Amino acid sequence: DCTRLPLLKGGDFGFTGHHAGSFLALLSTVHTLSFLMKLYRVVSAAYVKQ
């Protein structure tokens, strides 16, 4: 388990469990992707309106 620790971002958030860290990293990745998609739609819509 010690070898898998650097791959997970759980330690940065203060979580002690491997599952909590990997779940939080996955959740943050999903949130970032959805935010980028929303931002892309807004920017493209604004660009088309010009």
PDB file of N, CA and C in Angstrom:
ATOM      1  N   ASP A   1       0.823  -1.211   0.000  1.00  0.00           N
ATOM      2  CA  ASP A   1       0.000   0.000   0.000  1.00  0.00           C
ATOM      3  C   ASP A   1       0.859   1.264   0.000  1.00  0.00           C
ATOM      4  N   CYS A   2       2.061   1.161   0.551  1.00  0.00           N
ATOM      5  CA  CYS A   2       2.936   2.331   0.618  1.00  0.00           C
ATOM      6  C   CYS A   2       3.378   2.755  -0.776  1.00  0.00           C
ATOM      7  N   THR A   3       3.437   1.799  -1.710  1.00  0.00           N
ATOM      8  CA  THR A   3       3.874   2.137  -3.059  1.00  0.00           C
ATOM      9  C   THR A   3       2.775   2.858  -3.828  1.00  0.00           C
ATOM     10  N   ARG A   4       1.522   2.614  -3.445  1.00  0.00           N
ATOM     11  CA  ARG A   4       0.404   3.239  -4.136  1.00  0.00           C
ATOM     12  C   ARG A   4       0.107   4.640  -3.599  1.00  0.00           C
ATOM     13  N   LEU A   5       0.697   4.970  -2.455  1.00  0.00           N
ATOM     14  CA  LEU A   5       0.368   6.218  -1.799  1.00  0.00           C
ATOM     15  C   LEU A   5       0.697   7.453  -2.638  1.00  0.00           C
ATOM     16  N   PRO A   6       1.873   7.544  -3.283  1.00  0.00           N
ATOM     17  CA  PRO A   6       2.177   8.748  -4.063  1.00  0.00           C
ATOM     18  C   PRO A   6       1.217   8.969  -5.238  1.00  0.00           C
ATOM     19  N   LEU A   7       0.611   7.898  -5.734  1.00  0.00           N
ATOM     20  CA  LEU A   7      -0.293   8.044  -6.869  1.00  0.00           C
ATOM     21  C   LEU A   7      -1.602   8.709  -6.462  1.00  0.00           C
ATOM     22  N   LEU A   8      -1.968   8.585  -5.189  1.00  0.00           N
ATOM     23  CA  LEU A   8      -3.229   9.137  -4.726  1.00  0.00           C
ATOM     24  C   LEU A   8      -3.018  10.511  -4.127  1.00  0.00           C
ATOM     25  N   LYS A   9      -3.996  11.387  -4.311  1.00  0.00           N
ATOM     26  CA  LYS A   9      -3.908  12.738  -3.785  1.00  0.00           C
ATOM     27  C   LYS A   9      -4.548  12.850  -2.406  1.00  0.00           C
ATOM     28  N   GLY A  10      -4.936  11.728  -1.822  1.00  0.00           N
ATOM     29  CA  GLY A  10      -5.634  11.753  -0.543  1.00  0.00           C
ATOM     30  C   GLY A  10      -4.805  12.368   0.574  1.00  0.00           C
ATOM     31  N   GLY A  11      -3.494  12.181   0.536  1.00  0.00           N
ATOM     32  CA  GLY A  11      -2.647  12.717   1.592  1.00  0.00           C
ATOM     33  C   GLY A  11      -2.674  14.237   1.623  1.00  0.00           C
ATOM     34  N   ASP A  12      -2.878  14.867   0.466  1.00  0.00           N
ATOM     35  CA  ASP A  12      -2.888  16.316   0.400  1.00  0.00           C
ATOM     36  C   ASP A  12      -4.115  16.892   1.100  1.00  0.00           C
ATOM     37  N   PHE A  13      -5.199  16.127   1.119  1.00  0.00           N
ATOM     38  CA  PHE A  13      -6.443  16.626   1.712  1.00  0.00           C
ATOM     39  C   PHE A  13      -6.565  16.267   3.188  1.00  0.00           C
ATOM     40  N   GLY A  14      -5.610  15.504   3.699  1.00  0.00           N
ATOM     41  CA  GLY A  14      -5.635  15.146   5.110  1.00  0.00           C
ATOM     42  C   GLY A  14      -6.428  13.882   5.403  1.00  0.00           C
ATOM     43  N   PHE A  15      -6.819  13.126   4.390  1.00  0.00           N
ATOM     44  CA  PHE A  15      -7.528  11.878   4.616  1.00  0.00           C
ATOM     45  C   PHE A  15      -6.541  10.764   4.936  1.00  0.00           C
ATOM     46  N   THR A  16      -6.917   9.900   5.848  1.00  0.00           N
ATOM     47  CA  THR A  16      -6.013   8.829   6.254  1.00  0.00           C
ATOM     48  C   THR A  16      -6.256   7.560   5.443  1.00  0.00           C
ATOM     49  N   GLY A  17      -7.444   7.387   4.895  1.00  0.00           N
ATOM     50  CA  GLY A  17      -7.765   6.159   4.179  1.00  0.00           C
ATOM     51  C   GLY A  17      -7.436   6.264   2.705  1.00  0.00           C
ATOM     52  N   HIS A  18      -7.003   5.149   2.122  1.00  0.00           N
ATOM     53  CA  HIS A  18      -6.692   5.126   0.704  1.00  0.00           C
ATOM     54  C   HIS A  18      -7.957   5.309  -0.139  1.00  0.00           C
ATOM     55  N   HIS A  19      -9.041   4.680   0.292  1.00  0.00           N
ATOM     56  CA  HIS A  19     -10.281   4.740  -0.467  1.00  0.00           C
ATOM     57  C   HIS A  19     -10.845   6.153  -0.475  1.00  0.00           C
ATOM     58  N   ALA A  20     -10.763   6.833   0.666  1.00  0.00           N
ATOM     59  CA  ALA A  20     -11.286   8.196   0.743  1.00  0.00           C
ATOM     60  C   ALA A  20     -10.478   9.125  -0.148  1.00  0.00           C
ATOM     61  N   GLY A  21      -9.157   8.937  -0.152  1.00  0.00           N
ATOM     62  CA  GLY A  21      -8.302   9.791  -0.971  1.00  0.00           C
ATOM     63  C   GLY A  21      -8.542   9.594  -2.454  1.00  0.00           C
ATOM     64  N   SER A  22      -8.636   8.338  -2.891  1.00  0.00           N
ATOM     65  CA  SER A  22      -8.848   8.064  -4.310  1.00  0.00           C
ATOM     66  C   SER A  22     -10.237   8.531  -4.737  1.00  0.00           C
ATOM     67  N   PHE A  23     -11.236   8.360  -3.853  1.00  0.00           N
ATOM     68  CA  PHE A  23     -12.588   8.802  -4.174  1.00  0.00           C
ATOM     69  C   PHE A  23     -12.640  10.316  -4.302  1.00  0.00           C
ATOM     70  N   LEU A  24     -11.929  11.012  -3.407  1.00  0.00           N
ATOM     71  CA  LEU A  24     -11.930  12.467  -3.441  1.00  0.00           C
ATOM     72  C   LEU A  24     -11.208  12.966  -4.687  1.00  0.00           C
ATOM     73  N   ALA A  25     -10.117  12.300  -5.052  1.00  0.00           N
ATOM     74  CA  ALA A  25      -9.393  12.684  -6.257  1.00  0.00           C
ATOM     75  C   ALA A  25     -10.262  12.480  -7.495  1.00  0.00           C
ATOM     76  N   LEU A  26     -10.995  11.369  -7.539  1.00  0.00           N
ATOM     77  CA  LEU A  26     -11.886  11.103  -8.659  1.00  0.00           C
ATOM     78  C   LEU A  26     -13.000  12.135  -8.717  1.00  0.00           C
ATOM     79  N   LEU A  27     -13.539  12.480  -7.534  1.00  0.00           N
ATOM     80  CA  LEU A  27     -14.621  13.447  -7.472  1.00  0.00           C
ATOM     81  C   LEU A  27     -14.155  14.814  -7.954  1.00  0.00           C
ATOM     82  N   SER A  28     -12.964  15.223  -7.522  1.00  0.00           N
ATOM     83  CA  SER A  28     -12.446  16.524  -7.938  1.00  0.00           C
ATOM     84  C   SER A  28     -12.169  16.543  -9.437  1.00  0.00           C
ATOM     85  N   THR A  29     -11.725  15.404  -9.987  1.00  0.00           N
ATOM     86  CA  THR A  29     -11.476  15.330 -11.420  1.00  0.00           C
ATOM     87  C   THR A  29     -12.775  15.474 -12.198  1.00  0.00           C
ATOM     88  N   VAL A  30     -13.826  14.812 -11.741  1.00  0.00           N
ATOM     89  CA  VAL A  30     -15.128  14.898 -12.400  1.00  0.00           C
ATOM     90  C   VAL A  30     -15.658  16.326 -12.335  1.00  0.00           C
ATOM     91  N   HIS A  31     -15.519  16.962 -11.156  1.00  0.00           N
ATOM     92  CA  HIS A  31     -15.980  18.345 -11.009  1.00  0.00           C
ATOM     93  C   HIS A  31     -15.210  19.270 -11.942  1.00  0.00           C
ATOM     94  N   THR A  32     -13.904  19.059 -12.069  1.00  0.00           N
ATOM     95  CA  THR A  32     -13.084  19.901 -12.944  1.00  0.00           C
ATOM     96  C   THR A  32     -13.492  19.716 -14.393  1.00  0.00           C
ATOM     97  N   LEU A  33     -13.745  18.468 -14.806  1.00  0.00           N
ATOM     98  CA  LEU A  33     -14.138  18.208 -16.184  1.00  0.00           C
ATOM     99  C   LEU A  33     -15.488  18.839 -16.500  1.00  0.00           C
ATOM    100  N   SER A  34     -16.447  18.722 -15.580  1.00  0.00           N
ATOM    101  CA  SER A  34     -17.768  19.304 -15.819  1.00  0.00           C
ATOM    102  C   SER A  34     -17.681  20.823 -15.854  1.00  0.00           C
ATOM    103  N   PHE A  35     -16.819  21.397 -14.997  1.00  0.00           N
ATOM    104  CA  PHE A  35     -16.644  22.849 -14.991  1.00  0.00           C
ATOM    105  C   PHE A  35     -16.036  23.319 -16.309  1.00  0.00           C
ATOM    106  N   LEU A  36     -15.053  22.567 -16.822  1.00  0.00           N
ATOM    107  CA  LEU A  36     -14.431  22.938 -18.091  1.00  0.00           C
ATOM    108  C   LEU A  36     -15.430  22.840 -19.236  1.00  0.00           C
ATOM    109  N   MET A  37     -16.312  21.840 -19.192  1.00  0.00           N
ATOM    110  CA  MET A  37     -17.322  21.702 -20.236  1.00  0.00           C
ATOM    111  C   MET A  37     -18.303  22.866 -20.208  1.00  0.00           C
ATOM    112  N   LYS A  38     -18.731  23.269 -18.997  1.00  0.00           N
ATOM    113  CA  LYS A  38     -19.637  24.405 -18.878  1.00  0.00           C
ATOM    114  C   LYS A  38     -18.970  25.681 -19.374  1.00  0.00           C
ATOM    115  N   LEU A  39     -17.707  25.867 -18.990  1.00  0.00           N
ATOM    116  CA  LEU A  39     -16.968  27.053 -19.406  1.00  0.00           C
ATOM    117  C   LEU A  39     -16.820  27.083 -20.926  1.00  0.00           C
ATOM    118  N   TYR A  40     -16.547  25.920 -21.516  1.00  0.00           N
ATOM    119  CA  TYR A  40     -16.390  25.835 -22.968  1.00  0.00           C
ATOM    120  C   TYR A  40     -17.702  26.190 -23.674  1.00  0.00           C
ATOM    121  N   ARG A  41     -18.818  25.710 -23.143  1.00  0.00           N
ATOM    122  CA  ARG A  41     -20.113  26.013 -23.750  1.00  0.00           C
ATOM    123  C   ARG A  41     -20.418  27.500 -23.673  1.00  0.00           C
ATOM    124  N   VAL A  42     -20.141  28.108 -22.516  1.00  0.00           N
ATOM    125  CA  VAL A  42     -20.414  29.538 -22.346  1.00  0.00           C
ATOM    126  C   VAL A  42     -19.552  30.368 -23.292  1.00  0.00           C
ATOM    127  N   VAL A  43     -18.276  30.013 -23.367  1.00  0.00           N
ATOM    128  CA  VAL A  43     -17.360  30.767 -24.233  1.00  0.00           C
ATOM    129  C   VAL A  43     -17.736  30.593 -25.702  1.00  0.00           C
ATOM    130  N   SER A  44     -18.070  29.388 -26.112  1.00  0.00           N
ATOM    131  CA  SER A  44     -18.435  29.145 -27.501  1.00  0.00           C
ATOM    132  C   SER A  44     -19.749  29.851 -27.850  1.00  0.00           C
ATOM    133  N   ALA A  45     -20.700  29.841 -26.917  1.00  0.00           N
ATOM    134  CA  ALA A  45     -21.970  30.524 -27.156  1.00  0.00           C
ATOM    135  C   ALA A  45     -21.748  32.032 -27.275  1.00  0.00           C
ATOM    136  N   ALA A  46     -20.918  32.588 -26.418  1.00  0.00           N
ATOM    137  CA  ALA A  46     -20.631  34.011 -26.478  1.00  0.00           C
ATOM    138  C   ALA A  46     -19.884  34.360 -27.768  1.00  0.00           C
ATOM    139  N   TYR A  47     -19.022  33.452 -28.210  1.00  0.00           N
ATOM    140  CA  TYR A  47     -18.260  33.691 -29.436  1.00  0.00           C
ATOM    141  C   TYR A  47     -19.171  33.671 -30.658  1.00  0.00           C
ATOM    142  N   VAL A  48     -20.166  32.773 -30.649  1.00  0.00           N
ATOM    143  CA  VAL A  48     -21.080  32.661 -31.780  1.00  0.00           C
ATOM    144  C   VAL A  48     -21.988  33.896 -31.862  1.00  0.00           C
ATOM    145  N   LYS A  49     -22.359  34.446 -30.711  1.00  0.00           N
ATOM    146  CA  LYS A  49     -23.263  35.595 -30.690  1.00  0.00           C
ATOM    147  C   LYS A  49     -22.620  36.851 -31.271  1.00  0.00           C
ATOM    148  N   GLN A  50     -21.304  36.942 -31.231  1.00  0.00           N
ATOM    149  CA  GLN A  50     -20.637  38.143 -31.733  1.00  0.00           C
ATOM    150  C   GLN A  50     -20.774  38.277 -33.243  1.00  0.00           C
TER     151      GLN A  50
END
